PDB file of N, CA and C in Angstrom:
ATOM      1  N   MET A   1       0.775  -1.045  -0.173  1.00  0.00           N
ATOM      2  CA  MET A   1      -0.223  -0.095   0.065  1.00  0.00           C
ATOM      3  C   MET A   1       0.981   1.288  -0.088  1.00  0.00           C
ATOM      4  N   VAL A   2       0.559   2.218  -0.377  1.00  0.00           N
ATOM      5  CA  VAL A   2       0.879   3.489  -0.880  1.00  0.00           C
ATOM      6  C   VAL A   2       0.353   4.573  -0.194  1.00  0.00           C
ATOM      7  N   ARG A   3       0.665   5.212   0.953  1.00  0.00           N
ATOM      8  CA  ARG A   3      -0.077   6.558   1.360  1.00  0.00           C
ATOM      9  C   ARG A   3       0.879   7.589   0.942  1.00  0.00           C
ATOM     10  N   VAL A   4       0.274   8.935   0.722  1.00  0.00           N
ATOM     11  CA  VAL A   4       0.687   9.950   0.705  1.00  0.00           C
ATOM     12  C   VAL A   4       0.602  10.899   2.181  1.00  0.00           C
ATOM     13  N   HIS A   5       1.567  11.313   3.077  1.00  0.00           N
ATOM     14  CA  HIS A   5       1.268  12.046   3.949  1.00  0.00           C
ATOM     15  C   HIS A   5       1.692  13.466   4.001  1.00  0.00           C
ATOM     16  N   ASP A   6       0.598  14.428   3.510  1.00  0.00           N
ATOM     17  CA  ASP A   6       0.686  16.003   3.279  1.00  0.00           C
ATOM     18  C   ASP A   6       1.105  16.399   4.438  1.00  0.00           C
ATOM     19  N   GLN A   7       0.792  16.021   5.592  1.00  0.00           N
ATOM     20  CA  GLN A   7       1.328  16.718   7.040  1.00  0.00           C
ATOM     21  C   GLN A   7       2.986  16.716   6.844  1.00  0.00           C
ATOM     22  N   TYR A   8       3.385  15.495   6.359  1.00  0.00           N
ATOM     23  CA  TYR A   8       4.952  15.287   6.836  1.00  0.00           C
ATOM     24  C   TYR A   8       5.642  15.334   5.156  1.00  0.00           C
ATOM     25  N   SER A   9       4.993  15.732   4.145  1.00  0.00           N
ATOM     26  CA  SER A   9       5.611  15.778   2.950  1.00  0.00           C
ATOM     27  C   SER A   9       6.313  14.612   2.305  1.00  0.00           C
ATOM     28  N   CYS A  10       5.771  13.480   2.533  1.00  0.00           N
ATOM     29  CA  CYS A  10       6.275  12.241   2.166  1.00  0.00           C
ATOM     30  C   CYS A  10       5.480  11.228   1.733  1.00  0.00           C
ATOM     31  N   VAL A  11       5.777  10.025   0.842  1.00  0.00           N
ATOM     32  CA  VAL A  11       5.345   9.177   0.358  1.00  0.00           C
ATOM     33  C   VAL A  11       5.632   7.947   1.296  1.00  0.00           C
ATOM     34  N   ASP A  12       4.788   7.225   1.738  1.00  0.00           N
ATOM     35  CA  ASP A  12       5.001   6.011   2.669  1.00  0.00           C
ATOM     36  C   ASP A  12       4.730   4.637   1.637  1.00  0.00           C
ATOM     37  N   PHE A  13       5.758   3.975   1.203  1.00  0.00           N
ATOM     38  CA  PHE A  13       5.236   2.652   0.846  1.00  0.00           C
ATOM     39  C   PHE A  13       5.679   1.524   1.902  1.00  0.00           C
ATOM     40  N   ARG A  14       4.950   0.851   2.282  1.00  0.00           N
ATOM     41  CA  ARG A  14       4.675   0.040   3.368  1.00  0.00           C
ATOM     42  C   ARG A  14       3.747  -1.406   3.243  1.00  0.00           C
ATOM     43  N   ARG A  15       4.292  -2.403   3.705  1.00  0.00           N
ATOM     44  CA  ARG A  15       2.921  -3.426   3.923  1.00  0.00           C
ATOM     45  C   ARG A  15       2.373  -2.981   5.223  1.00  0.00           C
ATOM     46  N   PHE A  16       1.059  -3.173   4.757  1.00  0.00           N
ATOM     47  CA  PHE A  16      -0.008  -2.977   5.967  1.00  0.00           C
ATOM     48  C   PHE A  16      -0.769  -4.695   6.142  1.00  0.00           C
ATOM     49  N   TYR A  17      -1.374  -4.690   7.183  1.00  0.00           N
ATOM     50  CA  TYR A  17      -1.941  -6.068   7.650  1.00  0.00           C
ATOM     51  C   TYR A  17      -3.633  -5.365   8.621  1.00  0.00           C
ATOM     52  N   ILE A  18      -4.367  -6.537   8.177  1.00  0.00           N
ATOM     53  CA  ILE A  18      -5.948  -6.108   8.982  1.00  0.00           C
ATOM     54  C   ILE A  18      -5.656  -7.023  10.237  1.00  0.00           C
ATOM     55  N   PRO A  19      -5.547  -6.563  11.615  1.00  0.00           N
ATOM     56  CA  PRO A  19      -5.378  -7.704  12.473  1.00  0.00           C
ATOM     57  C   PRO A  19      -6.726  -8.669  12.467  1.00  0.00           C
ATOM     58  N   TYR A  20      -6.778  -9.900  12.821  1.00  0.00           N
ATOM     59  CA  TYR A  20      -7.493 -11.157  12.563  1.00  0.00           C
ATOM     60  C   TYR A  20      -8.881 -10.742  13.460  1.00  0.00           C
ATOM     61  N   GLY A  21     -10.063 -10.861  12.556  1.00  0.00           N
ATOM     62  CA  GLY A  21     -11.314 -10.375  13.220  1.00  0.00           C
ATOM     63  C   GLY A  21     -11.540  -8.987  13.038  1.00  0.00           C
ATOM     64  N   ALA A  22     -10.827  -7.995  12.605  1.00  0.00           N
ATOM     65  CA  ALA A  22     -10.970  -6.730  12.723  1.00  0.00           C
ATOM     66  C   ALA A  22     -11.675  -6.252  11.416  1.00  0.00           C
ATOM     67  N   PRO A  23     -12.328  -4.906  11.632  1.00  0.00           N
ATOM     68  CA  PRO A  23     -12.888  -4.736  10.265  1.00  0.00           C
ATOM     69  C   PRO A  23     -11.937  -4.002   9.427  1.00  0.00           C
ATOM     70  N   ARG A  24     -12.455  -4.182   8.190  1.00  0.00           N
ATOM     71  CA  ARG A  24     -11.372  -3.642   7.028  1.00  0.00           C
ATOM     72  C   ARG A  24     -10.823  -2.325   7.413  1.00  0.00           C
ATOM     73  N   GLU A  25     -11.539  -1.323   7.914  1.00  0.00           N
ATOM     74  CA  GLU A  25     -10.978  -0.122   8.052  1.00  0.00           C
ATOM     75  C   GLU A  25      -9.762  -0.067   9.371  1.00  0.00           C
ATOM     76  N   HIS A  26      -9.510  -1.026   9.927  1.00  0.00           N
ATOM     77  CA  HIS A  26      -8.827  -0.839  10.905  1.00  0.00           C
ATOM     78  C   HIS A  26      -7.340  -1.828  10.446  1.00  0.00           C
ATOM     79  N   VAL A  27      -6.603  -0.783   9.461  1.00  0.00           N
ATOM     80  CA  VAL A  27      -5.573  -1.242   8.870  1.00  0.00           C
ATOM     81  C   VAL A  27      -4.539  -0.662   9.521  1.00  0.00           C
ATOM     82  N   ARG A  28      -3.510  -1.498   9.821  1.00  0.00           N
ATOM     83  CA  ARG A  28      -2.156  -1.260  10.663  1.00  0.00           C
ATOM     84  C   ARG A  28      -1.003  -1.555   9.331  1.00  0.00           C
ATOM     85  N   PRO A  29      -0.020  -0.722   9.988  1.00  0.00           N
ATOM     86  CA  PRO A  29       1.336  -0.393   9.155  1.00  0.00           C
ATOM     87  C   PRO A  29       2.353  -1.572   9.987  1.00  0.00           C
ATOM     88  N   THR A  30       3.129  -2.200   9.066  1.00  0.00           N
ATOM     89  CA  THR A  30       4.103  -3.258   9.655  1.00  0.00           C
ATOM     90  C   THR A  30       5.482  -2.157   9.585  1.00  0.00           C
ATOM     91  N   ARG A  31       6.496  -2.856  10.106  1.00  0.00           N
ATOM     92  CA  ARG A  31       7.827  -1.948   9.843  1.00  0.00           C
ATOM     93  C   ARG A  31       8.364  -2.183   8.667  1.00  0.00           C
ATOM     94  N   ASP A  32       7.935  -3.006   7.684  1.00  0.00           N
ATOM     95  CA  ASP A  32       8.493  -3.202   6.255  1.00  0.00           C
ATOM     96  C   ASP A  32       8.079  -2.313   5.390  1.00  0.00           C
ATOM     97  N   GLY A  33       8.675  -1.477   5.178  1.00  0.00           N
ATOM     98  CA  GLY A  33       8.636  -0.337   4.087  1.00  0.00           C
ATOM     99  C   GLY A  33       9.663   0.838   4.096  1.00  0.00           C
ATOM    100  N   VAL A  34       9.566   1.873   3.242  1.00  0.00           N
ATOM    101  CA  VAL A  34      10.423   3.122   3.531  1.00  0.00           C
ATOM    102  C   VAL A  34       9.184   4.435   3.108  1.00  0.00           C
ATOM    103  N   ASN A  35       9.861   5.233   3.450  1.00  0.00           N
ATOM    104  CA  ASN A  35       9.366   6.759   3.468  1.00  0.00           C
ATOM    105  C   ASN A  35      10.061   7.480   2.648  1.00  0.00           C
ATOM    106  N   LEU A  36       9.766   8.039   1.449  1.00  0.00           N
ATOM    107  CA  LEU A  36      10.312   8.608   0.460  1.00  0.00           C
ATOM    108  C   LEU A  36       9.778  10.292   0.624  1.00  0.00           C
ATOM    109  N   ARG A  37      10.878  11.391   0.483  1.00  0.00           N
ATOM    110  CA  ARG A  37      10.255  12.819   0.537  1.00  0.00           C
ATOM    111  C   ARG A  37       9.470  12.768  -0.648  1.00  0.00           C
ATOM    112  N   LEU A  38       8.639  13.859  -1.138  1.00  0.00           N
ATOM    113  CA  LEU A  38       8.496  14.162  -2.583  1.00  0.00           C
ATOM    114  C   LEU A  38       9.149  14.313  -3.309  1.00  0.00           C
ATOM    115  N   ASP A  39      10.083  14.965  -2.819  1.00  0.00           N
ATOM    116  CA  ASP A  39      11.158  14.985  -4.103  1.00  0.00           C
ATOM    117  C   ASP A  39      11.707  13.931  -4.647  1.00  0.00           C
ATOM    118  N   GLU A  40      12.170  13.111  -3.388  1.00  0.00           N
ATOM    119  CA  GLU A  40      12.686  11.859  -3.787  1.00  0.00           C
ATOM    120  C   GLU A  40      11.583  10.937  -4.376  1.00  0.00           C
ATOM    121  N   CYS A  41      10.513  10.942  -4.427  1.00  0.00           N
ATOM    122  CA  CYS A  41       9.252  10.120  -5.052  1.00  0.00           C
ATOM    123  C   CYS A  41       9.353  10.435  -6.267  1.00  0.00           C
ATOM    124  N   ALA A  42       9.459  11.845  -6.542  1.00  0.00           N
ATOM    125  CA  ALA A  42       9.402  12.538  -8.118  1.00  0.00           C
ATOM    126  C   ALA A  42      10.582  11.753  -8.965  1.00  0.00           C
ATOM    127  N   GLU A  43      11.514  11.979  -8.200  1.00  0.00           N
ATOM    128  CA  GLU A  43      12.973  11.560  -9.121  1.00  0.00           C
ATOM    129  C   GLU A  43      12.885   9.864  -9.295  1.00  0.00           C
ATOM    130  N   LEU A  44      12.360   8.940  -8.000  1.00  0.00           N
ATOM    131  CA  LEU A  44      12.292   7.748  -8.371  1.00  0.00           C
ATOM    132  C   LEU A  44      11.437   7.451  -9.911  1.00  0.00           C
ATOM    133  N   LEU A  45      10.137   7.983  -9.898  1.00  0.00           N
ATOM    134  CA  LEU A  45       9.066   7.920 -10.769  1.00  0.00           C
ATOM    135  C   LEU A  45      10.117   8.397 -12.206  1.00  0.00           C
ATOM    136  N   GLU A  46      10.534   9.272 -11.887  1.00  0.00           N
ATOM    137  CA  GLU A  46      11.456   9.823 -13.439  1.00  0.00           C
ATOM    138  C   GLU A  46      12.300   8.665 -13.796  1.00  0.00           C
ATOM    139  N   LEU A  47      12.856   7.884 -12.883  1.00  0.00           N
ATOM    140  CA  LEU A  47      13.913   6.684 -13.172  1.00  0.00           C
ATOM    141  C   LEU A  47      13.148   5.514 -13.683  1.00  0.00           C
ATOM    142  N   VAL A  48      11.728   5.221 -13.309  1.00  0.00           N
ATOM    143  CA  VAL A  48      10.908   4.052 -13.507  1.00  0.00           C
ATOM    144  C   VAL A  48      11.260   3.764 -15.288  1.00  0.00           C
ATOM    145  N   PRO A  49      11.172   4.572 -16.125  1.00  0.00           N
ATOM    146  CA  PRO A  49      11.452   4.121 -17.625  1.00  0.00           C
ATOM    147  C   PRO A  49      13.141   3.547 -17.893  1.00  0.00           C
ATOM    148  N   THR A  50      13.905   4.172 -17.213  1.00  0.00           N
ATOM    149  CA  THR A  50      15.346   3.637 -17.391  1.00  0.00           C
ATOM    150  C   THR A  50      15.492   2.541 -16.796  1.00  0.00           C
ATOM    151  N   ILE A  51      14.770   2.294 -15.423  1.00  0.00           N
ATOM    152  CA  ILE A  51      14.766   1.036 -14.701  1.00  0.00           C
ATOM    153  C   ILE A  51      14.541  -0.088 -15.623  1.00  0.00           C
ATOM    154  N   HIS A  52      13.399  -0.019 -15.950  1.00  0.00           N
ATOM    155  CA  HIS A  52      12.639  -0.804 -17.071  1.00  0.00           C
ATOM    156  C   HIS A  52      13.212  -1.027 -18.334  1.00  0.00           C
ATOM    157  N   GLU A  53      14.052  -0.229 -18.736  1.00  0.00           N
ATOM    158  CA  GLU A  53      15.011  -0.325 -19.989  1.00  0.00           C
ATOM    159  C   GLU A  53      15.903  -1.064 -19.758  1.00  0.00           C
ATOM    160  N   ARG A  54      16.782  -0.793 -18.132  1.00  0.00           N
ATOM    161  CA  ARG A  54      17.975  -1.457 -18.309  1.00  0.00           C
ATOM    162  C   ARG A  54      17.566  -2.858 -17.778  1.00  0.00           C
ATOM    163  N   HIS A  55      16.434  -3.196 -16.913  1.00  0.00           N
ATOM    164  CA  HIS A  55      16.457  -4.412 -16.390  1.00  0.00           C
ATOM    165  C   HIS A  55      14.859  -4.835 -16.996  1.00  0.00           C
ATOM    166  N   SER A  56      14.689  -5.333 -17.944  1.00  0.00           N
ATOM    167  CA  SER A  56      13.514  -5.449 -18.779  1.00  0.00           C
ATOM    168  C   SER A  56      12.596  -6.540 -17.700  1.00  0.00           C
ATOM    169  N   GLU A  57      13.158  -7.507 -16.894  1.00  0.00           N
ATOM    170  CA  GLU A  57      12.612  -8.621 -16.260  1.00  0.00           C
ATOM    171  C   GLU A  57      11.697  -7.693 -15.187  1.00  0.00           C
ATOM    172  N   MET A  58      11.894  -6.547 -14.695  1.00  0.00           N
ATOM    173  CA  MET A  58      11.057  -5.952 -13.883  1.00  0.00           C
ATOM    174  C   MET A  58       9.799  -5.186 -14.914  1.00  0.00           C
ATOM    175  N   ALA A  59      10.127  -4.864 -15.856  1.00  0.00           N
ATOM    176  CA  ALA A  59       8.907  -4.203 -16.621  1.00  0.00           C
ATOM    177  C   ALA A  59       7.823  -4.724 -16.853  1.00  0.00           C
ATOM    178  N   GLY A  60       7.454  -6.102 -16.411  1.00  0.00           N
ATOM    179  CA  GLY A  60       6.609  -6.783 -16.482  1.00  0.00           C
ATOM    180  C   GLY A  60       5.551  -6.804 -15.029  1.00  0.00           C
ATOM    181  N   ILE A  61       6.242  -6.743 -13.937  1.00  0.00           N
ATOM    182  CA  ILE A  61       5.970  -6.400 -12.649  1.00  0.00           C
ATOM    183  C   ILE A  61       4.654  -5.981 -12.465  1.00  0.00           C
ATOM    184  N   ARG A  62       4.558  -4.686 -12.850  1.00  0.00           N
ATOM    185  CA  ARG A  62       3.257  -4.074 -12.743  1.00  0.00           C
ATOM    186  C   ARG A  62       2.084  -4.975 -13.109  1.00  0.00           C
ATOM    187  N   SER A  63       2.022  -5.869 -14.123  1.00  0.00           N
ATOM    188  CA  SER A  63       1.027  -6.490 -15.031  1.00  0.00           C
ATOM    189  C   SER A  63       0.911  -7.607 -14.007  1.00  0.00           C
ATOM    190  N   GLN A  64       1.900  -8.102 -13.586  1.00  0.00           N
ATOM    191  CA  GLN A  64       1.857  -9.251 -12.689  1.00  0.00           C
ATOM    192  C   GLN A  64       1.141  -9.154 -11.264  1.00  0.00           C
ATOM    193  N   LEU A  65       1.339  -7.861 -10.852  1.00  0.00           N
ATOM    194  CA  LEU A  65       0.796  -7.727  -9.431  1.00  0.00           C
ATOM    195  C   LEU A  65      -0.897  -7.347  -9.720  1.00  0.00           C
ATOM    196  N   HIS A  66      -1.263  -6.462 -10.835  1.00  0.00           N
ATOM    197  CA  HIS A  66      -2.583  -6.296 -11.037  1.00  0.00           C
ATOM    198  C   HIS A  66      -3.395  -7.492 -11.585  1.00  0.00           C
ATOM    199  N   GLY A  67      -2.497  -8.758 -12.045  1.00  0.00           N
ATOM    200  CA  GLY A  67      -3.535  -9.669 -12.763  1.00  0.00           C
ATOM    201  C   GLY A  67      -3.461  -9.680 -13.780  1.00  0.00           C
TER     202      GLY A  67
END
């Protein structure tokens, strides 16, 4: 899951979970993840085409994740 925190000006790429038996709106973060400042996230997004170009095996990941 990805969340944008306007208050902290960052993008949070993190795994989340729903505790067993809890309603869906009780999503909790795990420690697995990374926060990027908005400028770092923008730079990463600019690099995605180059990453796909140099590592073609990663280019299909999006389609694998979304079925």
